[in-house]
């Protein structure tokens, strides 16, 4: 899978809005590194289904939206 060759940051190269959104999600949702990469993988799938070569902010936002909410007791 050559689209994953560089991993993480290279998928969002030059997209500061995407980086900002992911940083905010990591901070607010207390995401682990695994959660971060799961969001990137899902965003890549969403971008593929949309026929996009790159992951855009809308794809990231949709992927973050699908994260299960932590339930509070």
N, C-alpha and C. Protein backbone atom coordinates (compact mmCIF):
# COMPACT_ATOMS: atom_id res chain seq x y z
N UNK A 1 0.84 -1.18 0.00
CA UNK A 1 0.00 0.00 0.00
C UNK A 1 0.88 1.23 0.00
N UNK A 2 1.14 1.75 -1.17
CA UNK A 2 2.05 2.89 -1.24
C UNK A 2 1.46 4.16 -0.65
N UNK A 3 0.15 4.26 -0.53
CA UNK A 3 -0.42 5.48 0.05
C UNK A 3 -0.09 5.62 1.53
N UNK A 4 0.31 4.51 2.19
CA UNK A 4 0.68 4.55 3.61
C UNK A 4 2.19 4.57 3.80
N UNK A 5 2.95 4.69 2.71
CA UNK A 5 4.40 4.59 2.78
C UNK A 5 5.01 5.55 3.78
N UNK A 6 4.57 6.79 3.82
CA UNK A 6 5.15 7.78 4.72
C UNK A 6 4.49 7.85 6.07
N UNK A 7 3.26 7.36 6.18
CA UNK A 7 2.44 7.38 7.40
C UNK A 7 2.10 8.79 7.85
N UNK A 8 1.21 8.87 8.83
CA UNK A 8 0.79 10.05 9.56
C UNK A 8 0.87 11.39 8.89
N UNK A 9 1.87 12.16 9.27
CA UNK A 9 1.96 13.56 8.86
C UNK A 9 2.04 13.71 7.35
N UNK A 10 2.66 12.78 6.63
CA UNK A 10 2.79 12.94 5.19
C UNK A 10 1.43 12.85 4.49
N UNK A 11 0.46 12.19 5.11
CA UNK A 11 -0.87 12.11 4.52
C UNK A 11 -1.55 13.47 4.51
N UNK A 12 -1.14 14.34 5.42
CA UNK A 12 -1.74 15.66 5.54
C UNK A 12 -0.75 16.76 5.16
N UNK A 13 0.25 16.44 4.39
CA UNK A 13 1.30 17.38 4.03
C UNK A 13 0.71 18.68 3.48
N UNK A 14 1.09 19.79 4.10
CA UNK A 14 0.66 21.09 3.63
C UNK A 14 -0.75 21.47 4.04
N UNK A 15 -1.42 20.64 4.81
CA UNK A 15 -2.79 20.92 5.22
C UNK A 15 -2.81 21.30 6.70
N UNK A 16 -2.54 22.57 6.98
CA UNK A 16 -2.45 23.03 8.37
C UNK A 16 -3.79 22.89 9.09
N UNK A 17 -4.89 23.09 8.39
CA UNK A 17 -6.21 22.95 9.01
C UNK A 17 -6.44 21.51 9.47
N UNK A 18 -5.99 20.54 8.68
CA UNK A 18 -6.10 19.14 9.05
C UNK A 18 -5.27 18.81 10.28
N UNK A 19 -4.05 19.35 10.31
CA UNK A 19 -3.18 19.14 11.48
C UNK A 19 -3.81 19.76 12.72
N UNK A 20 -4.36 20.95 12.59
CA UNK A 20 -4.99 21.63 13.73
C UNK A 20 -6.18 20.83 14.25
N UNK A 21 -6.98 20.31 13.33
CA UNK A 21 -8.15 19.53 13.73
C UNK A 21 -7.72 18.27 14.47
N UNK A 22 -6.70 17.58 13.97
CA UNK A 22 -6.23 16.37 14.64
C UNK A 22 -5.62 16.68 16.01
N UNK A 23 -4.86 17.77 16.10
CA UNK A 23 -4.29 18.15 17.40
C UNK A 23 -5.40 18.44 18.41
N UNK A 24 -6.43 19.17 17.97
CA UNK A 24 -7.55 19.48 18.86
C UNK A 24 -8.29 18.21 19.28
N UNK A 25 -8.48 17.29 18.34
CA UNK A 25 -9.16 16.02 18.65
C UNK A 25 -8.34 15.21 19.65
N UNK A 26 -7.03 15.17 19.45
CA UNK A 26 -6.19 14.42 20.38
C UNK A 26 -6.28 15.00 21.79
N UNK A 27 -6.27 16.31 21.87
CA UNK A 27 -6.32 16.97 23.17
C UNK A 27 -7.69 16.81 23.83
N UNK A 28 -8.75 17.08 23.10
CA UNK A 28 -10.09 17.08 23.67
C UNK A 28 -10.64 15.68 23.90
N UNK A 29 -10.29 14.74 23.05
CA UNK A 29 -10.81 13.38 23.18
C UNK A 29 -9.82 12.45 23.87
N UNK A 30 -8.68 13.00 24.28
CA UNK A 30 -7.63 12.20 24.93
C UNK A 30 -7.27 10.97 24.09
N UNK A 31 -7.00 11.21 22.82
CA UNK A 31 -6.68 10.11 21.92
C UNK A 31 -5.29 9.57 22.16
N UNK A 32 -5.16 8.29 22.06
CA UNK A 32 -3.85 7.64 22.10
C UNK A 32 -3.27 7.69 20.68
N UNK A 33 -2.03 7.24 20.56
CA UNK A 33 -1.42 7.15 19.23
C UNK A 33 -2.21 6.19 18.35
N UNK A 34 -2.71 5.13 18.96
CA UNK A 34 -3.52 4.17 18.21
C UNK A 34 -4.81 4.82 17.71
N UNK A 35 -5.46 5.62 18.56
CA UNK A 35 -6.67 6.32 18.16
C UNK A 35 -6.41 7.31 17.03
N UNK A 36 -5.28 7.99 17.11
CA UNK A 36 -4.86 8.94 16.07
C UNK A 36 -4.75 8.23 14.73
N UNK A 37 -4.06 7.09 14.72
CA UNK A 37 -3.88 6.35 13.47
C UNK A 37 -5.18 5.72 12.97
N UNK A 38 -6.05 5.34 13.88
CA UNK A 38 -7.35 4.80 13.46
C UNK A 38 -8.17 5.89 12.76
N UNK A 39 -8.10 7.12 13.29
CA UNK A 39 -8.80 8.23 12.64
C UNK A 39 -8.21 8.49 11.26
N UNK A 40 -6.88 8.47 11.15
CA UNK A 40 -6.25 8.67 9.84
C UNK A 40 -6.65 7.58 8.85
N UNK A 41 -6.69 6.32 9.30
CA UNK A 41 -7.09 5.22 8.42
C UNK A 41 -8.52 5.39 7.94
N UNK A 42 -9.41 5.76 8.86
CA UNK A 42 -10.80 5.94 8.48
C UNK A 42 -10.96 7.14 7.56
N UNK A 43 -10.23 8.22 7.82
CA UNK A 43 -10.27 9.39 6.95
C UNK A 43 -9.76 9.04 5.55
N UNK A 44 -8.73 8.19 5.47
CA UNK A 44 -8.21 7.76 4.17
C UNK A 44 -9.28 6.96 3.42
N UNK A 45 -9.99 6.10 4.13
CA UNK A 45 -11.07 5.31 3.51
C UNK A 45 -12.18 6.23 3.00
N UNK A 46 -12.55 7.21 3.81
CA UNK A 46 -13.59 8.17 3.42
C UNK A 46 -13.14 8.95 2.19
N UNK A 47 -11.87 9.36 2.17
CA UNK A 47 -11.33 10.07 1.00
C UNK A 47 -11.36 9.18 -0.24
N UNK A 48 -11.01 7.91 -0.07
CA UNK A 48 -11.06 6.97 -1.19
C UNK A 48 -12.47 6.84 -1.75
N UNK A 49 -13.44 6.70 -0.85
CA UNK A 49 -14.83 6.58 -1.29
C UNK A 49 -15.32 7.84 -1.99
N UNK A 50 -14.76 8.98 -1.61
CA UNK A 50 -15.12 10.25 -2.24
C UNK A 50 -14.34 10.48 -3.53
N UNK A 51 -13.39 9.58 -3.84
CA UNK A 51 -12.60 9.71 -5.06
C UNK A 51 -11.50 10.75 -4.94
N UNK A 52 -11.07 11.04 -3.73
CA UNK A 52 -10.06 12.06 -3.50
C UNK A 52 -8.68 11.43 -3.32
N UNK A 53 -7.67 12.05 -3.92
CA UNK A 53 -6.30 11.59 -3.76
C UNK A 53 -5.75 11.93 -2.39
N UNK A 54 -6.23 13.02 -1.80
CA UNK A 54 -5.72 13.50 -0.52
C UNK A 54 -6.81 13.46 0.54
N UNK A 55 -6.38 13.44 1.78
CA UNK A 55 -7.31 13.53 2.90
C UNK A 55 -7.56 15.01 3.16
N UNK A 56 -8.80 15.41 3.12
CA UNK A 56 -9.18 16.80 3.37
C UNK A 56 -9.78 16.92 4.78
N UNK A 57 -9.92 18.14 5.23
CA UNK A 57 -10.45 18.40 6.57
C UNK A 57 -11.83 17.76 6.74
N UNK A 58 -12.65 17.80 5.72
CA UNK A 58 -13.99 17.20 5.81
C UNK A 58 -13.90 15.70 6.07
N UNK A 59 -12.92 15.04 5.47
CA UNK A 59 -12.74 13.60 5.69
C UNK A 59 -12.32 13.33 7.13
N UNK A 60 -11.41 14.15 7.65
CA UNK A 60 -10.98 14.00 9.04
C UNK A 60 -12.14 14.25 10.00
N UNK A 61 -12.91 15.30 9.73
CA UNK A 61 -14.03 15.63 10.61
C UNK A 61 -15.04 14.49 10.64
N UNK A 62 -15.30 13.89 9.48
CA UNK A 62 -16.24 12.78 9.44
C UNK A 62 -15.69 11.58 10.21
N UNK A 63 -14.40 11.30 10.06
CA UNK A 63 -13.79 10.18 10.77
C UNK A 63 -13.85 10.40 12.28
N UNK A 64 -13.58 11.62 12.72
CA UNK A 64 -13.64 11.94 14.15
C UNK A 64 -15.06 11.78 14.67
N UNK A 65 -16.01 12.16 13.85
CA UNK A 65 -17.42 12.07 14.24
C UNK A 65 -17.83 10.63 14.54
N UNK A 66 -17.22 9.67 13.86
CA UNK A 66 -17.58 8.27 14.07
C UNK A 66 -16.95 7.65 15.31
N UNK A 67 -16.08 8.38 15.99
CA UNK A 67 -15.48 7.86 17.23
C UNK A 67 -16.56 7.68 18.27
N UNK A 68 -16.54 6.55 18.97
CA UNK A 68 -17.53 6.38 20.04
C UNK A 68 -17.28 7.37 21.17
N UNK A 69 -18.34 7.88 21.72
CA UNK A 69 -18.24 8.82 22.85
C UNK A 69 -17.99 8.04 24.12
N UNK A 70 -17.15 8.60 24.97
CA UNK A 70 -16.91 7.98 26.27
C UNK A 70 -18.13 8.23 27.15
N UNK A 71 -18.60 7.18 27.76
CA UNK A 71 -19.77 7.32 28.63
C UNK A 71 -19.32 7.69 30.03
N UNK A 72 -20.03 8.61 30.62
CA UNK A 72 -19.71 9.02 31.98
C UNK A 72 -20.71 8.40 32.94
N UNK A 73 -20.22 7.95 34.07
CA UNK A 73 -21.09 7.33 35.05
C UNK A 73 -21.64 8.36 36.01
